[in-house]
Amino acid sequence: MATDILDGLNGSSAVLGTFIKQKVRDARAVVVTGHSLGGATSMAIAWRLASKGLIPANTPLFNVTFGGPRLFQREGVAAYDAKLLNNTFRFVFNKDPIPHVPMNAEKDGLKSWTQTSMEYAESTRA
């Protein structure tokens, strides 16, 4: 799945980069968010923005996901964490299977807020 999402971004990166540079040049912060598959897509977009320098260096970049699946293998997790670990927030319902797939994806070091009932529990396990 990560390859498909990232391949899609590669195909549209020139258009996406031009659009984003125009929209965020005066922004105080950029927040990329998504739910379910959109959560994985938002991680890919946030990674692309951070790794390609598509937003000004002094503009904070945040990623917020709701019920998104895992995205990266081991190398991808390390690269993502190096740029966005402290600015990414995952919200997960404990009984939702989507945030736990694909099973061969590397667990990241991101903090997750897992809803087990009506309260959220903070954890560092994806």
N, C-alpha and C. Protein backbone atom coordinates (compact mmCIF):
# COMPACT_ATOMS: atom_id res chain seq x y z
N MET A 1 0.81 -1.19 0.00
CA MET A 1 0.00 0.00 0.00
C MET A 1 0.86 1.26 0.00
N ALA A 2 1.90 1.29 0.81
CA ALA A 2 2.74 2.49 0.87
C ALA A 2 3.31 2.80 -0.49
N THR A 3 3.71 1.78 -1.23
CA THR A 3 4.29 1.99 -2.55
C THR A 3 3.27 2.63 -3.48
N ASP A 4 2.02 2.16 -3.44
CA ASP A 4 0.98 2.73 -4.29
C ASP A 4 0.74 4.21 -3.97
N ILE A 5 0.65 4.51 -2.70
CA ILE A 5 0.41 5.90 -2.28
C ILE A 5 1.58 6.78 -2.69
N LEU A 6 2.80 6.33 -2.41
CA LEU A 6 3.97 7.13 -2.74
C LEU A 6 4.17 7.24 -4.24
N ASP A 7 3.85 6.17 -5.00
CA ASP A 7 3.92 6.25 -6.46
C ASP A 7 2.95 7.29 -6.98
N GLY A 8 1.76 7.33 -6.42
CA GLY A 8 0.78 8.34 -6.82
C GLY A 8 1.28 9.74 -6.55
N LEU A 9 1.93 9.93 -5.42
CA LEU A 9 2.49 11.24 -5.11
C LEU A 9 3.63 11.59 -6.06
N ASN A 10 4.45 10.59 -6.40
CA ASN A 10 5.55 10.85 -7.34
C ASN A 10 5.00 11.34 -8.67
N GLY A 11 3.90 10.74 -9.12
CA GLY A 11 3.32 11.13 -10.41
C GLY A 11 2.74 12.52 -10.40
N SER A 12 2.34 13.01 -9.24
CA SER A 12 1.72 14.33 -9.18
C SER A 12 2.56 15.33 -8.40
N SER A 13 3.81 14.99 -8.11
CA SER A 13 4.60 15.84 -7.23
C SER A 13 4.88 17.23 -7.78
N ALA A 14 5.06 17.38 -9.07
CA ALA A 14 5.34 18.70 -9.63
C ALA A 14 4.13 19.62 -9.44
N VAL A 15 2.95 19.11 -9.76
CA VAL A 15 1.72 19.89 -9.59
C VAL A 15 1.46 20.16 -8.12
N LEU A 16 1.59 19.12 -7.31
CA LEU A 16 1.38 19.25 -5.87
C LEU A 16 2.35 20.24 -5.26
N GLY A 17 3.62 20.14 -5.63
CA GLY A 17 4.63 21.04 -5.09
C GLY A 17 4.36 22.49 -5.42
N THR A 18 4.00 22.78 -6.66
CA THR A 18 3.69 24.15 -7.07
C THR A 18 2.48 24.68 -6.32
N PHE A 19 1.44 23.86 -6.22
CA PHE A 19 0.20 24.26 -5.52
C PHE A 19 0.49 24.56 -4.05
N ILE A 20 1.21 23.66 -3.40
CA ILE A 20 1.48 23.83 -1.97
C ILE A 20 2.36 25.03 -1.70
N LYS A 21 3.39 25.21 -2.50
CA LYS A 21 4.27 26.37 -2.30
C LYS A 21 3.48 27.68 -2.39
N GLN A 22 2.52 27.77 -3.31
CA GLN A 22 1.69 28.97 -3.44
C GLN A 22 0.79 29.16 -2.23
N LYS A 23 0.22 28.06 -1.73
CA LYS A 23 -0.77 28.15 -0.64
C LYS A 23 -0.16 28.36 0.74
N VAL A 24 1.05 27.86 0.98
CA VAL A 24 1.59 27.89 2.34
C VAL A 24 2.70 28.90 2.56
N ARG A 25 3.03 29.68 1.58
CA ARG A 25 4.18 30.59 1.75
C ARG A 25 4.01 31.56 2.91
N ASP A 26 2.77 31.93 3.27
CA ASP A 26 2.54 32.84 4.38
C ASP A 26 1.85 32.17 5.56
N ALA A 27 1.76 30.83 5.56
CA ALA A 27 1.05 30.11 6.62
C ALA A 27 1.85 30.12 7.92
N ARG A 28 1.13 30.15 9.03
CA ARG A 28 1.78 30.05 10.34
C ARG A 28 2.11 28.60 10.67
N ALA A 29 1.34 27.66 10.12
CA ALA A 29 1.57 26.22 10.31
C ALA A 29 0.83 25.48 9.20
N VAL A 30 1.27 24.26 8.94
CA VAL A 30 0.60 23.40 7.96
C VAL A 30 0.21 22.12 8.70
N VAL A 31 -1.07 21.75 8.60
CA VAL A 31 -1.59 20.54 9.22
C VAL A 31 -2.16 19.66 8.12
N VAL A 32 -1.63 18.44 8.01
CA VAL A 32 -2.11 17.47 7.03
C VAL A 32 -2.84 16.39 7.83
N THR A 33 -4.08 16.09 7.45
CA THR A 33 -4.88 15.16 8.24
C THR A 33 -5.66 14.22 7.34
N GLY A 34 -6.05 13.08 7.89
CA GLY A 34 -6.85 12.13 7.14
C GLY A 34 -7.42 11.05 8.03
N HIS A 35 -8.44 10.38 7.50
CA HIS A 35 -9.10 9.28 8.21
C HIS A 35 -8.98 8.00 7.39
N SER A 36 -8.69 6.90 8.04
CA SER A 36 -8.56 5.58 7.43
C SER A 36 -7.50 5.63 6.33
N LEU A 37 -7.82 5.27 5.10
CA LEU A 37 -6.81 5.32 4.03
C LEU A 37 -6.29 6.75 3.86
N GLY A 38 -7.14 7.73 4.10
CA GLY A 38 -6.70 9.13 4.06
C GLY A 38 -5.66 9.43 5.12
N GLY A 39 -5.67 8.68 6.24
CA GLY A 39 -4.65 8.84 7.27
C GLY A 39 -3.28 8.42 6.76
N ALA A 40 -3.24 7.29 6.05
CA ALA A 40 -1.97 6.85 5.44
C ALA A 40 -1.53 7.83 4.37
N THR A 41 -2.49 8.31 3.59
CA THR A 41 -2.16 9.28 2.54
C THR A 41 -1.64 10.57 3.15
N SER A 42 -2.23 10.99 4.27
CA SER A 42 -1.76 12.22 4.91
C SER A 42 -0.34 12.06 5.43
N MET A 43 0.02 10.86 5.90
CA MET A 43 1.40 10.62 6.33
C MET A 43 2.35 10.72 5.13
N ALA A 44 1.94 10.15 4.01
CA ALA A 44 2.78 10.22 2.80
C ALA A 44 2.95 11.66 2.33
N ILE A 45 1.88 12.43 2.38
CA ILE A 45 1.95 13.83 1.97
C ILE A 45 2.83 14.63 2.93
N ALA A 46 2.64 14.42 4.24
CA ALA A 46 3.46 15.14 5.22
C ALA A 46 4.93 14.79 5.03
N TRP A 47 5.21 13.50 4.79
CA TRP A 47 6.59 13.08 4.54
C TRP A 47 7.15 13.78 3.31
N ARG A 48 6.37 13.82 2.25
CA ARG A 48 6.82 14.46 1.01
C ARG A 48 7.09 15.95 1.26
N LEU A 49 6.20 16.62 1.97
CA LEU A 49 6.40 18.04 2.26
C LEU A 49 7.68 18.27 3.05
N ALA A 50 7.91 17.43 4.06
CA ALA A 50 9.09 17.59 4.92
C ALA A 50 10.37 17.22 4.19
N SER A 51 10.36 16.12 3.45
CA SER A 51 11.60 15.62 2.85
C SER A 51 12.01 16.39 1.60
N LYS A 52 11.06 16.99 0.92
CA LYS A 52 11.38 17.72 -0.31
C LYS A 52 11.46 19.23 -0.11
N GLY A 53 11.26 19.68 1.14
CA GLY A 53 11.36 21.10 1.41
C GLY A 53 10.28 21.93 0.71
N LEU A 54 9.08 21.39 0.64
CA LEU A 54 8.01 22.08 -0.08
C LEU A 54 7.30 23.15 0.74
N ILE A 55 7.64 23.24 2.02
CA ILE A 55 7.10 24.33 2.83
C ILE A 55 8.28 25.10 3.41
N PRO A 56 8.09 26.37 3.73
CA PRO A 56 9.20 27.15 4.29
C PRO A 56 9.76 26.51 5.56
N ALA A 57 11.06 26.60 5.74
CA ALA A 57 11.74 25.95 6.86
C ALA A 57 11.21 26.41 8.22
N ASN A 58 10.73 27.64 8.31
CA ASN A 58 10.25 28.17 9.58
C ASN A 58 8.76 27.91 9.81
N THR A 59 8.12 27.15 8.93
CA THR A 59 6.69 26.84 9.07
C THR A 59 6.53 25.46 9.69
N PRO A 60 5.91 25.37 10.88
CA PRO A 60 5.71 24.06 11.50
C PRO A 60 4.78 23.18 10.66
N LEU A 61 5.10 21.89 10.58
CA LEU A 61 4.31 20.92 9.84
C LEU A 61 3.82 19.85 10.80
N PHE A 62 2.52 19.60 10.80
CA PHE A 62 1.91 18.59 11.67
C PHE A 62 1.14 17.59 10.82
N ASN A 63 1.08 16.35 11.31
CA ASN A 63 0.27 15.31 10.69
C ASN A 63 -0.63 14.71 11.76
N VAL A 64 -1.93 14.66 11.49
CA VAL A 64 -2.91 14.10 12.42
C VAL A 64 -3.70 13.04 11.66
N THR A 65 -3.71 11.80 12.18
CA THR A 65 -4.45 10.74 11.51
C THR A 65 -5.51 10.16 12.45
N PHE A 66 -6.59 9.70 11.84
CA PHE A 66 -7.68 9.07 12.57
C PHE A 66 -7.93 7.70 11.95
N GLY A 67 -7.52 6.65 12.65
CA GLY A 67 -7.78 5.29 12.18
C GLY A 67 -7.03 4.92 10.92
N GLY A 68 -5.87 5.49 10.69
CA GLY A 68 -5.11 5.20 9.47
C GLY A 68 -4.27 3.95 9.61
N PRO A 69 -4.08 3.20 8.51
CA PRO A 69 -3.22 2.03 8.55
C PRO A 69 -1.75 2.43 8.63
N ARG A 70 -0.91 1.45 8.96
CA ARG A 70 0.53 1.68 8.97
C ARG A 70 0.99 1.91 7.53
N LEU A 71 2.04 2.67 7.38
CA LEU A 71 2.45 3.05 6.04
C LEU A 71 3.83 2.55 5.63
N PHE A 72 4.80 2.61 6.54
CA PHE A 72 6.20 2.42 6.14
C PHE A 72 6.79 1.10 6.62
N GLN A 73 7.80 0.64 5.89
CA GLN A 73 8.66 -0.45 6.35
C GLN A 73 9.75 0.18 7.23
N ARG A 74 10.68 -0.63 7.72
CA ARG A 74 11.67 -0.18 8.71
C ARG A 74 12.43 1.09 8.29
N GLU A 75 12.97 1.13 7.07
CA GLU A 75 13.74 2.30 6.63
C GLU A 75 12.85 3.55 6.56
N GLY A 76 11.64 3.35 6.09
CA GLY A 76 10.70 4.47 5.98
C GLY A 76 10.32 5.03 7.34
N VAL A 77 10.16 4.13 8.31
CA VAL A 77 9.82 4.58 9.67
C VAL A 77 10.94 5.46 10.22
N ALA A 78 12.19 5.01 10.07
CA ALA A 78 13.32 5.78 10.58
C ALA A 78 13.40 7.15 9.92
N ALA A 79 13.20 7.20 8.61
CA ALA A 79 13.28 8.47 7.88
C ALA A 79 12.12 9.39 8.28
N TYR A 80 10.92 8.83 8.38
CA TYR A 80 9.75 9.63 8.78
C TYR A 80 9.94 10.17 10.19
N ASP A 81 10.32 9.28 11.12
CA ASP A 81 10.50 9.70 12.51
C ASP A 81 11.55 10.80 12.65
N ALA A 82 12.60 10.75 11.84
CA ALA A 82 13.65 11.77 11.92
C ALA A 82 13.11 13.16 11.61
N LYS A 83 12.11 13.24 10.76
CA LYS A 83 11.56 14.55 10.36
C LYS A 83 10.28 14.92 11.11
N LEU A 84 9.42 13.93 11.42
CA LEU A 84 8.07 14.26 11.87
C LEU A 84 7.60 13.57 13.15
N LEU A 85 8.47 12.85 13.82
CA LEU A 85 8.05 12.08 14.99
C LEU A 85 7.29 12.92 16.01
N ASN A 86 7.81 14.07 16.36
CA ASN A 86 7.19 14.89 17.41
C ASN A 86 6.01 15.72 16.92
N ASN A 87 5.75 15.71 15.61
CA ASN A 87 4.66 16.51 15.06
C ASN A 87 3.57 15.65 14.43
N THR A 88 3.55 14.35 14.75
CA THR A 88 2.54 13.46 14.21
C THR A 88 1.72 12.89 15.35
N PHE A 89 0.41 12.86 15.15
CA PHE A 89 -0.52 12.37 16.16
C PHE A 89 -1.48 11.39 15.53
N ARG A 90 -1.53 10.16 16.06
CA ARG A 90 -2.43 9.11 15.56
C ARG A 90 -3.53 8.88 16.59
N PHE A 91 -4.76 8.87 16.11
CA PHE A 91 -5.89 8.53 16.96
C PHE A 91 -6.46 7.22 16.44
N VAL A 92 -6.58 6.23 17.34
CA VAL A 92 -6.93 4.88 16.95
C VAL A 92 -8.01 4.34 17.88
N PHE A 93 -9.04 3.70 17.32
CA PHE A 93 -10.01 2.96 18.12
C PHE A 93 -9.46 1.55 18.25
N ASN A 94 -9.30 1.07 19.48
CA ASN A 94 -8.62 -0.19 19.75
C ASN A 94 -9.20 -1.38 18.98
N LYS A 95 -10.50 -1.40 18.73
CA LYS A 95 -11.13 -2.55 18.07
C LYS A 95 -11.20 -2.40 16.55
N ASP A 96 -10.69 -1.30 16.02
CA ASP A 96 -10.68 -1.07 14.57
C ASP A 96 -9.46 -1.79 13.99
N PRO A 97 -9.64 -2.73 13.05
CA PRO A 97 -8.49 -3.47 12.51
C PRO A 97 -7.60 -2.65 11.57
N ILE A 98 -8.12 -1.61 10.95
CA ILE A 98 -7.38 -0.88 9.91
C ILE A 98 -6.06 -0.28 10.43
N PRO A 99 -6.01 0.33 11.62
CA PRO A 99 -4.73 0.90 12.07
C PRO A 99 -3.64 -0.14 12.34
N HIS A 100 -4.00 -1.41 12.32
CA HIS A 100 -3.04 -2.46 12.64
C HIS A 100 -2.57 -3.23 11.39
N VAL A 101 -2.95 -2.77 10.22
CA VAL A 101 -2.54 -3.41 8.96
C VAL A 101 -1.71 -2.43 8.15
N PRO A 102 -0.89 -2.86 7.20
CA PRO A 102 -0.58 -4.26 6.96
C PRO A 102 0.29 -4.82 8.07
N MET A 103 0.16 -6.10 8.31
CA MET A 103 0.86 -6.74 9.42
C MET A 103 2.38 -6.72 9.22
N ASN A 104 2.85 -6.65 7.98
CA ASN A 104 4.29 -6.64 7.74
C ASN A 104 4.90 -5.25 7.81
N ALA A 105 4.09 -4.24 8.05
CA ALA A 105 4.62 -2.88 8.19
C ALA A 105 5.28 -2.74 9.56
N GLU A 106 6.28 -1.93 9.61
CA GLU A 106 7.03 -1.71 10.84
C GLU A 106 6.20 -0.85 11.80
N LYS A 107 6.19 -1.23 13.07
CA LYS A 107 5.56 -0.37 14.08
C LYS A 107 6.45 0.84 14.25
N ASP A 108 5.83 1.99 14.28
CA ASP A 108 6.60 3.22 14.38
C ASP A 108 6.70 3.66 15.83
N GLY A 109 7.45 4.71 16.05
CA GLY A 109 7.62 5.24 17.40
C GLY A 109 6.62 6.33 17.72
N LEU A 110 5.63 6.52 16.85
CA LEU A 110 4.68 7.60 17.04
C LEU A 110 3.81 7.38 18.27
N LYS A 111 3.48 8.45 18.92
CA LYS A 111 2.51 8.36 19.99
C LYS A 111 1.14 8.15 19.38
N SER A 112 0.38 7.27 19.98
CA SER A 112 -0.99 7.02 19.54
C SER A 112 -1.92 7.27 20.70
N TRP A 113 -3.07 7.74 20.39
CA TRP A 113 -4.12 7.88 21.38
C TRP A 113 -5.16 6.85 21.02
N THR A 114 -5.24 5.78 21.82
CA THR A 114 -6.10 4.65 21.51
C THR A 114 -7.36 4.71 22.35
N GLN A 115 -8.50 4.69 21.67
CA GLN A 115 -9.77 4.71 22.39
C GLN A 115 -10.18 3.27 22.68
N THR A 116 -10.23 2.92 23.96
CA THR A 116 -10.66 1.59 24.35
C THR A 116 -12.12 1.61 24.79
N SER A 117 -12.59 2.73 25.26
CA SER A 117 -14.00 2.89 25.60
C SER A 117 -14.36 4.32 25.24
N MET A 118 -14.67 5.12 26.21
CA MET A 118 -14.98 6.52 25.93
C MET A 118 -13.82 7.43 26.32
N GLU A 119 -12.69 6.83 26.71
CA GLU A 119 -11.53 7.61 27.09
C GLU A 119 -10.36 7.24 26.19
N TYR A 120 -9.45 8.18 25.99
CA TYR A 120 -8.27 7.93 25.18
C TYR A 120 -7.09 7.63 26.09
N ALA A 121 -6.32 6.63 25.74
CA ALA A 121 -5.11 6.29 26.47
C ALA A 121 -3.91 6.58 25.59
N GLU A 122 -2.96 7.30 26.11
CA GLU A 122 -1.76 7.65 25.34
C GLU A 122 -0.79 6.49 25.38
N SER A 123 -0.21 6.17 24.23
CA SER A 123 0.80 5.10 24.16
C SER A 123 1.83 5.48 23.12
N THR A 124 2.94 4.76 23.13
CA THR A 124 3.95 4.97 22.12
C THR A 124 4.01 3.77 21.18
N ARG A 125 3.01 2.92 21.23
CA ARG A 125 2.93 1.76 20.37
C ARG A 125 1.92 2.04 19.28
N ALA A 126 2.27 1.73 18.02
CA ALA A 126 1.38 2.03 16.90
C ALA A 126 0.32 0.98 16.75
